[in-house]
Amino acid sequence: MSDIKNIVPQGPSGYPLIGNLLNLASSQRLVWLQALVDKYGDVAKFKLLKREVYLINHPDLVRELLVQKIDNYTKKTVAFSIVKKVLGESTFTATGDVWKRKRKLVQPSFHKKRISNLGEIMTDAIEDMLNDWELVCDKNGTVEVTDAMMRLTLTVVVKALFSTALSKEEVQTVADVFTPLLDETNFRAGFPIRMLHKFRAKKNAAYEKNIADLDEIIFRIIRERRTSTATHNDLLQMLMEAQDEETSEFLSDEELRDEVMTVFIAGHETTANAMSWLWAILSQQPDIRKKVEQEVAEILGDKKPTAADFPNLSYSLKVFKETLRLYPPVPILPRRVEADDVLGGYKINGGGEVFFSAYLLHRHPDFWKEPEVFDPHRFDRETERKQHPFAYLPFGGGPRICLGNSFAMMEAVFIVAMTTQRFRLNLVSDQPIEPLISLTTRPKGGVEVTLERR
């Protein structure tokens, strides 16, 4: 990066009053952001309403704002305030001392050794899904993979959080409210004009009810756990047992609710979307799929995987990591600029926001050779060591990296392995699948496949 100080970033002027809001609210927002990078370089400036926004697209600068200057680049943004409506003050949304306390309390619950204990929950849910697919295969039917992965990851996260605490009716309630809840949150964050949201009475009422329905279930389970003497091998139990070493305090019911809701969101849609992309890619990459099949046969044969098998399914993990490179779960992340700063020689005004995009960083030509090519060998051990650590951010980076990354990777590898033992998934259509970009990166129109027994 340049050694010259106090360069004023350049960018488009936008429209009167709204600035570049329409560009950012568009389904083509990433194309537009990439065009800014192409024209103005790795630091560009634009306006959203009255706010100055800086697009940062260099790993050195992203590391600077996520690590060295974390206190000046906070999550007190419009988008995060909207997400807080659902997630509350969780480790994902909280800032400052509140975040530091919660992170310290919650982090041990997501230690790799603890997550490995949840492996059987994952494999049981995957096996149930594959048994259902056998019936579909008998009828020569098709599977819409995005829906299937959504149902599967929801089942896994519910059981990982609550063991068997949910009734069938409650599980159905969770399944029913999740998609509309996520869709509305995506809409609000993508079009962040609160005044306009007030005129959507029916949508707002449904939004409030969906949140209330989930809250009722979560708080019921927490209340029952408080009065029960039984112990449970699940994430909720781990979170309830988390204790502050200095104050001896535990998480309150409200704090538990916020963490549970965050695990619901982070452990559900993002993994499902990534798996949808993975199956679409493997259907179009027969050589790579063959290597996955060979690894699964060699490591597992016909047996169900356990946590001990996870490190040995290394090629399957590389395939998942490369999928996350091309289609990161959260494509754009914002931060608020608390005070005037100089970032990489560029003047950044306090009160504005900075955006950085994993989607763009994962395609930065200075850090990725042939970035549009799907190549799992980018994640061979030695090659991965040479990567810039902030050129690859599927789970974020720095102290606020996603706590659920180990959970997501083990779940994904188990889905790949167990599905590969029994089926090949083949795309119904040869049409390219386009990304639908909102808060997350979904395959537009879903991914429909036929099932081929192996």
Protein backbone atom coordinates (compact mmCIF):
# COMPACT_ATOMS: atom_id res chain seq x y z
CA MET A 1 0.00 0.00 0.00
CA SER A 2 1.04 3.62 -0.50
CA ASP A 3 3.28 5.40 2.03
CA ILE A 4 1.68 8.77 1.19
CA LYS A 5 -0.49 10.03 4.05
CA ASN A 6 -3.91 11.69 4.03
CA ILE A 7 -4.98 10.79 0.51
CA VAL A 8 -8.66 11.69 0.10
CA PRO A 9 -10.49 8.62 -1.29
CA GLN A 10 -12.37 9.17 -4.54
CA GLY A 11 -15.67 7.74 -5.71
CA PRO A 12 -19.01 8.38 -7.46
CA SER A 13 -21.12 11.38 -6.48
CA GLY A 14 -24.42 9.48 -6.51
CA TYR A 15 -27.91 11.01 -6.60
CA PRO A 16 -29.10 13.99 -4.56
CA LEU A 17 -30.33 13.07 -1.06
CA ILE A 18 -29.99 9.29 -1.44
CA GLY A 19 -26.42 9.11 -2.75
CA ASN A 20 -25.65 5.59 -4.00
CA LEU A 21 -28.39 3.86 -2.02
CA LEU A 22 -30.03 2.38 -5.14
CA ASN A 23 -26.71 0.88 -6.27
CA LEU A 24 -26.14 -0.79 -2.91
CA ALA A 25 -29.76 -1.95 -2.60
CA SER A 26 -29.60 -3.54 -6.07
CA SER A 27 -29.23 -7.30 -6.55
CA GLN A 28 -26.12 -6.35 -8.57
CA ARG A 29 -24.47 -4.57 -5.63
CA LEU A 30 -21.31 -6.67 -5.79
CA VAL A 31 -20.89 -5.96 -9.50
CA TRP A 32 -21.18 -2.27 -8.67
CA LEU A 33 -18.69 -2.54 -5.77
CA GLN A 34 -16.24 -4.38 -8.00
CA ALA A 35 -16.61 -1.59 -10.57
CA LEU A 36 -15.68 0.92 -7.84
CA VAL A 37 -12.54 -1.09 -7.07
CA ASP A 38 -11.66 -1.29 -10.77
CA LYS A 39 -12.03 2.48 -11.20
CA TYR A 40 -10.87 3.94 -7.87
CA GLY A 41 -8.59 1.27 -6.41
CA ASP A 42 -8.63 -0.55 -3.10
CA VAL A 43 -10.09 2.42 -1.18
CA ALA A 44 -13.14 4.19 -2.62
CA LYS A 45 -15.75 6.53 -1.16
CA PHE A 46 -19.47 6.87 -1.82
CA LYS A 47 -22.59 8.11 -0.03
CA LEU A 48 -25.62 6.38 1.48
CA LEU A 49 -28.15 9.09 2.25
CA LYS A 50 -26.07 11.50 4.37
CA ARG A 51 -23.46 8.94 5.43
CA GLU A 52 -20.00 8.70 3.94
CA VAL A 53 -19.06 5.10 3.20
CA TYR A 54 -15.59 3.82 2.37
CA LEU A 55 -15.07 0.57 0.47
CA ILE A 56 -11.87 -1.12 1.68
CA ASN A 57 -10.56 -3.89 -0.58
CA HIS A 58 -7.02 -4.75 0.51
CA PRO A 59 -6.15 -7.45 3.10
CA ASP A 60 -3.57 -5.21 4.82
CA LEU A 61 -6.20 -2.54 5.43
CA VAL A 62 -8.82 -5.05 6.53
CA ARG A 63 -6.35 -6.46 9.07
CA GLU A 64 -5.66 -2.92 10.28
CA LEU A 65 -9.33 -2.14 10.93
CA LEU A 66 -10.22 -5.58 12.34
CA VAL A 67 -7.18 -5.99 14.59
CA GLN A 68 -4.96 -2.95 15.24
CA LYS A 69 -7.80 -0.40 15.22
CA ILE A 70 -10.72 -2.55 16.31
CA ASP A 71 -11.94 0.04 18.85
CA ASN A 72 -12.25 2.71 16.16
CA TYR A 73 -14.10 0.50 13.67
CA THR A 74 -17.12 -0.84 15.51
CA LYS A 75 -20.35 -2.67 14.76
CA LYS A 76 -22.47 0.38 15.63
CA THR A 77 -23.76 0.52 12.06
CA VAL A 78 -27.24 0.82 10.56
CA ALA A 79 -27.11 -2.77 9.29
CA PHE A 80 -26.09 -4.20 12.66
CA SER A 81 -28.78 -2.17 14.43
CA ILE A 82 -31.32 -3.88 12.18
CA VAL A 83 -29.83 -7.32 12.83
CA LYS A 84 -29.96 -6.59 16.59
CA LYS A 85 -33.74 -6.61 16.34
CA VAL A 86 -33.43 -10.38 15.94
CA LEU A 87 -30.14 -11.27 17.64
CA GLY A 88 -30.13 -8.78 20.52
CA GLU A 89 -26.81 -8.00 22.25
CA SER A 90 -25.03 -11.22 21.35
CA THR A 91 -21.35 -11.90 20.76
CA PHE A 92 -22.04 -11.18 17.07
CA THR A 93 -23.65 -7.76 17.52
CA ALA A 94 -22.41 -6.39 20.87
CA THR A 95 -19.58 -3.85 21.07
CA GLY A 96 -17.00 -2.61 23.54
CA ASP A 97 -16.83 -4.01 27.06
CA VAL A 98 -20.19 -5.80 26.64
CA TRP A 99 -18.77 -7.79 23.73
CA LYS A 100 -15.49 -8.52 25.53
CA ARG A 101 -17.33 -9.94 28.56
CA LYS A 102 -19.66 -12.09 26.45
CA ARG A 103 -16.92 -13.34 24.16
CA LYS A 104 -14.89 -14.45 27.17
CA LEU A 105 -17.90 -16.30 28.57
CA VAL A 106 -19.19 -17.88 25.38
CA GLN A 107 -15.98 -18.82 23.55
CA PRO A 108 -15.13 -21.96 25.60
CA SER A 109 -18.50 -23.50 24.61
CA PHE A 110 -17.29 -23.56 20.99
CA HIS A 111 -13.91 -25.16 21.67
CA LYS A 112 -13.09 -27.85 19.10
CA LYS A 113 -13.15 -30.62 21.72
CA ARG A 114 -16.63 -29.62 22.84
CA ILE A 115 -17.90 -29.30 19.28
CA SER A 116 -16.56 -32.78 18.49
CA ASN A 117 -18.96 -34.16 21.09
CA LEU A 118 -21.83 -32.97 18.89
CA GLY A 119 -20.69 -35.06 15.91
CA GLU A 120 -23.24 -37.81 16.51
CA ILE A 121 -26.08 -35.27 16.44
CA MET A 122 -24.86 -34.19 13.00
CA THR A 123 -24.49 -37.69 11.56
CA ASP A 124 -27.89 -38.86 12.87
CA ALA A 125 -29.63 -35.93 11.18
CA ILE A 126 -27.73 -36.48 7.93
CA GLU A 127 -28.62 -40.17 7.95
CA ASP A 128 -32.33 -39.35 8.37
CA MET A 129 -32.20 -37.02 5.38
CA LEU A 130 -30.41 -39.59 3.20
CA ASN A 131 -32.98 -42.25 4.13
CA ASP A 132 -35.69 -39.90 2.89
CA TRP A 133 -33.69 -39.38 -0.31
CA GLU A 134 -33.75 -43.14 -0.94
CA LEU A 135 -37.53 -42.88 -1.39
CA VAL A 136 -37.10 -39.93 -3.77
CA CYS A 137 -34.55 -41.93 -5.75
CA ASP A 138 -36.94 -44.90 -6.02
CA LYS A 139 -39.48 -42.59 -7.65
CA ASN A 140 -36.91 -40.98 -9.96
CA GLY A 141 -37.74 -37.67 -8.34
CA THR A 142 -35.64 -34.59 -7.82
CA VAL A 143 -34.39 -32.75 -4.76
CA GLU A 144 -34.21 -28.99 -4.35
CA VAL A 145 -30.90 -28.94 -2.53
CA THR A 146 -31.16 -25.48 -0.97
CA ASP A 147 -34.42 -26.41 0.79
CA ALA A 148 -33.01 -29.81 1.78
CA MET A 149 -29.84 -28.27 3.23
CA MET A 150 -31.93 -25.67 5.08
CA ARG A 151 -34.02 -28.39 6.71
CA LEU A 152 -30.95 -30.45 7.54
CA THR A 153 -28.90 -27.65 9.08
CA LEU A 154 -31.95 -26.46 11.03
CA THR A 155 -32.41 -29.97 12.44
CA VAL A 156 -28.73 -30.11 13.39
CA VAL A 157 -28.66 -26.71 15.06
CA VAL A 158 -31.89 -27.35 17.00
CA LYS A 159 -30.61 -30.66 18.34
CA ALA A 160 -27.14 -29.26 19.01
CA LEU A 161 -28.66 -26.42 21.01
CA PHE A 162 -31.51 -28.17 22.78
CA SER A 163 -30.97 -31.95 22.58
CA THR A 164 -34.55 -33.28 22.60
CA ALA A 165 -36.14 -30.30 24.35
CA LEU A 166 -38.33 -29.22 21.43
CA SER A 167 -41.67 -30.82 20.68
CA LYS A 168 -42.58 -31.68 17.08
CA GLU A 169 -44.93 -28.69 17.04
CA GLU A 170 -42.15 -26.37 18.19
CA VAL A 171 -39.72 -27.73 15.61
CA GLN A 172 -42.37 -27.03 12.95
CA THR A 173 -42.86 -23.51 14.32
CA VAL A 174 -39.13 -22.85 14.05
CA ALA A 175 -39.09 -24.20 10.48
CA ASP A 176 -42.12 -22.08 9.52
CA VAL A 177 -40.86 -18.76 10.86
CA PHE A 178 -37.22 -18.94 9.85
CA THR A 179 -37.39 -18.21 6.13
CA PRO A 180 -39.75 -15.21 6.38
CA LEU A 181 -37.76 -13.91 9.36
CA LEU A 182 -34.49 -14.10 7.44
CA ASP A 183 -36.04 -12.65 4.27
CA GLU A 184 -37.40 -9.63 6.14
CA THR A 185 -34.11 -9.06 7.97
CA ASN A 186 -32.28 -9.25 4.63
CA PHE A 187 -34.68 -6.73 3.11
CA ARG A 188 -34.34 -4.26 5.98
CA ALA A 189 -30.56 -4.46 6.02
CA GLY A 190 -30.35 -4.14 2.23
CA PHE A 191 -32.68 -1.13 2.16
CA PRO A 192 -31.92 0.61 5.47
CA ILE A 193 -34.45 3.46 5.51
CA ARG A 194 -36.37 3.01 8.75
CA MET A 195 -39.07 5.52 7.82
CA LEU A 196 -40.07 3.41 4.80
CA HIS A 197 -40.22 0.25 6.90
CA LYS A 198 -42.97 1.82 9.04
CA PHE A 199 -45.38 1.79 6.11
CA ARG A 200 -45.24 -2.01 5.73
CA ALA A 201 -47.80 -2.80 8.44
CA LYS A 202 -48.51 -6.44 7.56
CA LYS A 203 -44.85 -7.30 7.05
CA ASN A 204 -43.93 -5.59 10.31
CA ALA A 205 -46.64 -7.43 12.26
CA ALA A 206 -45.53 -10.78 10.83
CA TYR A 207 -41.89 -9.93 11.61
CA GLU A 208 -42.68 -9.12 15.23
CA LYS A 209 -44.75 -12.30 15.59
CA ASN A 210 -42.02 -14.52 14.14
CA ILE A 211 -39.48 -13.13 16.61
CA ALA A 212 -41.98 -13.51 19.47
CA ASP A 213 -42.71 -17.14 18.49
CA LEU A 214 -39.02 -18.03 18.60
CA ASP A 215 -38.54 -16.12 21.87
CA GLU A 216 -41.40 -18.05 23.49
CA ILE A 217 -39.77 -21.39 22.64
CA ILE A 218 -36.27 -20.33 23.69
CA PHE A 219 -37.33 -18.78 26.99
CA ARG A 220 -39.48 -21.81 27.84
CA ILE A 221 -36.52 -24.13 27.46
CA ILE A 222 -34.26 -21.81 29.47
CA ARG A 223 -36.82 -21.67 32.30
CA GLU A 224 -37.11 -25.45 32.37
CA ARG A 225 -33.32 -25.86 32.41
CA ARG A 226 -33.04 -23.44 35.34
CA THR A 227 -35.26 -25.66 37.49
CA SER A 228 -34.06 -29.06 36.24
CA THR A 229 -31.40 -31.19 37.89
CA ALA A 230 -30.74 -33.14 34.69
CA THR A 231 -27.66 -32.43 32.58
CA HIS A 232 -27.60 -32.25 28.81
CA ASN A 233 -24.83 -32.62 26.26
CA ASP A 234 -25.81 -29.62 24.15
CA LEU A 235 -24.75 -26.05 23.45
CA LEU A 236 -27.40 -24.52 25.69
CA GLN A 237 -26.05 -26.49 28.66
CA MET A 238 -22.52 -25.34 27.86
CA LEU A 239 -23.67 -21.72 27.64
CA MET A 240 -25.60 -21.97 30.90
CA GLU A 241 -22.54 -23.36 32.66
CA ALA A 242 -20.26 -20.59 31.34
CA GLN A 243 -19.07 -18.53 34.32
CA ASP A 244 -17.08 -15.31 34.54
CA GLU A 245 -13.85 -16.10 36.41
CA GLU A 246 -13.62 -12.61 37.87
CA THR A 247 -17.22 -11.94 38.92
CA SER A 248 -18.53 -15.56 39.13
CA GLU A 249 -21.54 -14.38 37.11
CA PHE A 250 -23.40 -16.52 34.58
CA LEU A 251 -25.27 -15.43 31.46
CA SER A 252 -28.75 -14.09 32.19
CA ASP A 253 -31.86 -15.50 30.52
CA GLU A 254 -31.88 -12.59 28.06
CA GLU A 255 -28.19 -13.07 27.27
CA LEU A 256 -28.74 -16.79 26.74
CA ARG A 257 -31.63 -16.01 24.40
CA ASP A 258 -29.42 -13.69 22.33
CA GLU A 259 -26.64 -16.27 21.98
CA VAL A 260 -29.11 -19.03 21.11
CA MET A 261 -30.74 -16.86 18.44
CA THR A 262 -27.30 -16.09 16.99
CA VAL A 263 -26.42 -19.79 16.80
CA PHE A 264 -29.78 -20.38 15.10
CA ILE A 265 -28.97 -17.85 12.39
CA ALA A 266 -25.22 -18.39 12.03
CA GLY A 267 -25.45 -22.17 12.23
CA HIS A 268 -28.36 -22.57 9.87
CA GLU A 269 -28.75 -20.49 6.72
CA THR A 270 -25.07 -19.78 6.10
CA THR A 271 -24.02 -23.44 6.15
CA ALA A 272 -27.04 -24.46 4.08
CA ASN A 273 -26.23 -21.89 1.40
CA ALA A 274 -22.59 -22.96 1.26
CA MET A 275 -23.58 -26.62 0.88
CA SER A 276 -25.98 -25.72 -1.93
CA TRP A 277 -23.12 -24.08 -3.82
CA LEU A 278 -20.86 -27.07 -3.10
CA TRP A 279 -23.27 -29.61 -4.61
CA ALA A 280 -23.80 -27.42 -7.68
CA ILE A 281 -20.04 -27.10 -8.17
CA LEU A 282 -19.32 -30.83 -7.70
CA SER A 283 -21.99 -31.69 -10.27
CA GLN A 284 -20.08 -29.56 -12.77
CA GLN A 285 -16.60 -30.72 -11.71
CA PRO A 286 -16.50 -34.52 -12.19
CA ASP A 287 -12.74 -34.81 -11.60
CA ILE A 288 -13.00 -33.08 -8.23
CA ARG A 289 -16.07 -35.12 -7.31
CA LYS A 290 -14.15 -38.30 -8.13
CA LYS A 291 -11.38 -37.30 -5.72
CA VAL A 292 -13.95 -36.71 -2.98
CA GLU A 293 -15.45 -40.14 -3.65
CA GLN A 294 -12.02 -41.77 -3.49
CA GLU A 295 -11.17 -40.09 -0.19
CA VAL A 296 -14.49 -41.05 1.38
CA ALA A 297 -14.11 -44.66 0.26
CA GLU A 298 -10.55 -44.84 1.60
CA ILE A 299 -11.18 -43.17 4.96
CA LEU A 300 -14.71 -44.33 5.76
CA GLY A 301 -15.80 -47.14 3.49
CA ASP A 302 -19.44 -47.67 4.50
CA LYS A 303 -19.12 -46.60 8.13
CA LYS A 304 -20.59 -43.45 9.59
CA PRO A 305 -17.98 -40.73 10.26
CA THR A 306 -17.04 -39.68 13.78
CA ALA A 307 -15.15 -36.67 15.08
CA ALA A 308 -11.95 -38.77 14.91
CA ASP A 309 -12.41 -39.11 11.13
CA PHE A 310 -12.76 -35.38 10.51
CA PRO A 311 -9.01 -34.56 10.26
CA ASN A 312 -8.52 -37.38 7.75
CA LEU A 313 -11.21 -36.10 5.35
CA SER A 314 -8.84 -33.35 4.31
CA TYR A 315 -9.74 -33.13 0.61
CA SER A 316 -13.44 -32.84 1.42
CA LEU A 317 -12.59 -29.97 3.76
CA LYS A 318 -10.53 -28.28 1.04
CA VAL A 319 -13.53 -28.50 -1.29
CA PHE A 320 -15.69 -26.83 1.34
CA LYS A 321 -13.10 -24.12 1.98
CA GLU A 322 -12.81 -23.37 -1.73
CA THR A 323 -16.61 -23.19 -1.95
CA LEU A 324 -16.53 -20.61 0.84
CA ARG A 325 -13.89 -18.68 -1.06
CA LEU A 326 -16.05 -18.29 -4.15
CA TYR A 327 -19.33 -17.93 -2.24
CA PRO A 328 -18.61 -16.59 1.25
CA PRO A 329 -21.66 -16.85 3.55
CA VAL A 330 -21.70 -13.12 4.41
CA PRO A 331 -20.51 -11.19 1.33
CA ILE A 332 -20.35 -7.64 2.76
CA LEU A 333 -19.57 -6.47 6.30
CA PRO A 334 -19.80 -2.89 7.61
CA ARG A 335 -18.08 -1.03 10.44
CA ARG A 336 -18.72 2.42 11.89
CA VAL A 337 -15.81 4.88 11.98
CA GLU A 338 -15.82 6.28 15.50
CA ALA A 339 -13.14 8.96 14.97
CA ASP A 340 -11.12 10.46 12.12
CA ASP A 341 -8.35 8.12 11.02
CA VAL A 342 -5.73 7.45 8.38
CA LEU A 343 -6.00 3.94 6.95
CA GLY A 344 -3.23 2.85 4.61
CA GLY A 345 -2.48 6.49 3.85
CA TYR A 346 -6.12 7.31 3.12
CA LYS A 347 -8.06 9.84 5.17
CA ILE A 348 -11.15 8.28 6.76
CA ASN A 349 -13.66 10.65 8.38
CA GLY A 350 -15.26 9.76 11.69
CA GLY A 351 -19.02 9.22 11.74
CA GLY A 352 -19.03 7.36 8.43
CA GLU A 353 -18.88 3.64 7.72
CA VAL A 354 -16.39 1.34 6.06
CA PHE A 355 -17.42 -1.71 4.06
CA PHE A 356 -15.24 -4.67 3.23
CA SER A 357 -16.35 -7.62 1.15
CA ALA A 358 -15.14 -11.19 1.52
CA TYR A 359 -16.64 -11.81 -1.92
CA LEU A 360 -14.31 -9.23 -3.49
CA LEU A 361 -11.28 -10.00 -1.32
CA HIS A 362 -11.57 -13.69 -2.24
CA ARG A 363 -11.22 -12.68 -5.88
CA HIS A 364 -8.48 -10.06 -5.47
CA PRO A 365 -6.07 -10.80 -8.36
CA ASP A 366 -3.02 -9.77 -6.30
CA PHE A 367 -3.71 -12.59 -3.83
CA TRP A 368 -5.46 -15.30 -5.86
CA LYS A 369 -4.24 -16.78 -9.13
CA GLU A 370 -7.14 -17.30 -11.57
CA PRO A 371 -9.62 -16.33 -8.84
CA GLU A 372 -12.74 -17.50 -10.69
CA VAL A 373 -11.37 -21.06 -11.07
CA PHE A 374 -12.51 -23.61 -8.47
CA ASP A 375 -9.32 -25.19 -7.11
CA PRO A 376 -9.35 -27.02 -3.75
CA HIS A 377 -5.55 -27.27 -3.83
CA ARG A 378 -5.40 -23.61 -2.83
CA PHE A 379 -5.92 -25.10 0.64
CA ASP A 380 -3.11 -27.63 0.58
CA ARG A 381 -1.21 -27.14 3.83
CA GLU A 382 1.84 -25.33 2.45
CA THR A 383 -0.16 -23.24 -0.02
CA GLU A 384 -2.62 -22.20 2.68
CA ARG A 385 0.23 -21.14 4.97
CA LYS A 386 1.41 -18.70 2.32
CA GLN A 387 -1.99 -17.05 1.99
CA HIS A 388 -2.47 -13.58 3.38
CA PRO A 389 -4.62 -14.29 6.48
CA PHE A 390 -6.99 -11.44 5.64
CA ALA A 391 -7.40 -12.31 1.95
CA TYR A 392 -9.68 -15.20 3.03
CA LEU A 393 -12.45 -14.25 5.46
CA PRO A 394 -15.41 -16.65 5.21
CA PHE A 395 -15.85 -16.45 8.99
CA GLY A 396 -14.61 -12.90 9.45
CA GLY A 397 -11.22 -12.15 10.97
CA GLY A 398 -9.38 -10.84 13.99
CA PRO A 399 -10.73 -11.08 17.55
CA ARG A 400 -14.33 -11.17 16.28
CA ILE A 401 -13.92 -14.20 14.03
CA CYS A 402 -17.04 -16.40 14.03
CA LEU A 403 -17.14 -18.73 17.04
CA GLY A 404 -19.04 -21.37 15.07
CA ASN A 405 -16.40 -21.96 12.37
CA SER A 406 -15.30 -25.37 13.75
CA PHE A 407 -18.94 -26.47 14.06
CA ALA A 408 -19.69 -25.42 10.47
CA MET A 409 -16.63 -27.12 8.98
CA MET A 410 -17.22 -30.44 10.73
CA GLU A 411 -20.90 -30.40 9.82
CA ALA A 412 -20.13 -29.63 6.17
CA VAL A 413 -17.50 -32.36 5.85
CA PHE A 414 -19.86 -34.92 7.40
CA ILE A 415 -22.62 -33.92 4.97
CA VAL A 416 -20.23 -34.27 2.03
CA ALA A 417 -18.88 -37.61 3.21
CA MET A 418 -22.16 -39.32 4.13
CA THR A 419 -23.98 -38.07 1.03
CA THR A 420 -21.08 -39.20 -1.18
CA GLN A 421 -21.23 -42.70 0.35
CA ARG A 422 -24.71 -43.16 -1.08
CA PHE A 423 -25.41 -40.70 -3.91
CA ARG A 424 -24.12 -38.53 -6.69
CA LEU A 425 -26.05 -35.27 -7.05
CA ASN A 426 -26.49 -34.14 -10.66
CA LEU A 427 -27.88 -30.76 -11.66
CA VAL A 428 -31.19 -30.91 -13.50
CA SER A 429 -30.34 -27.87 -15.61
CA ASP A 430 -27.11 -26.83 -17.32
CA GLN A 431 -28.00 -23.19 -16.75
CA PRO A 432 -25.44 -21.31 -14.63
CA ILE A 433 -26.57 -20.63 -11.08
CA GLU A 434 -26.28 -16.99 -10.11
CA PRO A 435 -25.67 -15.68 -6.60
CA LEU A 436 -28.50 -13.82 -4.89
CA ILE A 437 -26.72 -11.33 -2.67
CA SER A 438 -28.34 -9.95 0.48
CA LEU A 439 -26.98 -10.35 4.00
CA THR A 440 -25.94 -13.80 2.82
CA THR A 441 -24.95 -15.41 -0.51
CA ARG A 442 -27.71 -17.71 -1.76
CA PRO A 443 -28.03 -19.58 -5.07
CA LYS A 444 -30.69 -17.68 -7.02
CA GLY A 445 -33.66 -19.90 -7.80
CA GLY A 446 -32.30 -22.83 -5.78
CA VAL A 447 -30.37 -25.90 -6.90
CA GLU A 448 -32.44 -28.79 -8.27
CA VAL A 449 -30.70 -32.17 -8.64
CA THR A 450 -31.40 -35.76 -9.49
CA LEU A 451 -30.04 -38.51 -7.26
CA GLU A 452 -27.80 -41.23 -8.64
CA ARG A 453 -27.12 -44.18 -6.32
CA ARG A 454 -23.50 -45.21 -5.92
